[in-house]
């Protein structure tokens, strides 16, 4: 499913995996010959992290939010391109990706606590792509039981309506990203980030007393504005060779919340999801849903540091302002970072096996 994910994630390390940092043994802290000095294992780990980050950049565009922070690497006419993008967003002279009617109807039905399962199954069965994807998900290691789900009805019953709704959104987002032709490496990164932020948010939600499936949706959808912006760049007759990750990253960072809000309104998403999409970086300023915005911001930052093998910055998240809004005491924060790292690594391992 996501073969390109193979090289995009850092391998498992002991820190935070069980909610506590690992402490090197005395033997590990000693160099060859028993002299005190830099730990050999730490030196090897540092080299490994650097090679992972280099491989990330070689195999794809890398985390675009990280690229946006660079002061160099832009295209020659970046300013003019930014002005054109801003004008098109302000004047709305672009096409917003639309959800297929079947998927929209199925999501609305699944969102009803009293929905008719048979009706949902009948509706989904008219969409071969959605049907096959839901069957595949129902039989994946995360949801499979002793016996495989052989019918769509069995798949829907196994997933349940909450998970079903999340999975339909997942299929829809991936389909919207893939539909942008000619900018494959950028669309791959948009999908990678959306999926992983959703899974990190879902992984840490229980420790924050938040509903996991809703957390997944918030993480999955928080940056959908990047899909709109990628479509705008494509409509400017630009291909991958005409752009750089730094330029794309800066355009995404500047406009994605505004563009995402327009897309969310078009898709008729819930007021809470729209609020988080429109204002998740300034989570303190999100007066309607500050905790949801802080959750997404924290999951987003965790993915940023994990996907770039920046372990030092990941450690610094213990002091993240998001924890204050989420009302998490300092002594409880390490366990939440552990849950986020574990969710990230679990999805990487799962998709590596699928690939």
Foldseek 3Di string as FASTA:
>chain_A
DQQLLQLQFDADDDALQQLHGDDDDQVQQADPPRHGDHGPVVVVVVVSLVVSLVVNVVSFQFQLLVLQPDPDDWFPCLVVVLVVLVVCLVVVVADFDDFPPLLLVLLVQLVDPPHDLVVSQVSQVVPVVSQVQLQVVCCAPVQNDPDRDPGSSSSDVSCHSLSSSLVSVLVRLLVLLVVLPQAVRVSSSLNVQLQLLLLLLLLLQVVLVHHSSVSSNLSNLLQSLLSRVSRVCVVVVDHPVNTHSNSSSNSSVVCRLSSSLVNCVNSVHDPVSSLLSNDQVVLVPSVPCSLSSLSSNLSSVLCNCRSSSNVVVLVVCLPPCSCVSSVHDSVSVSNSSSSSVNSNNVVNVSVVVVD
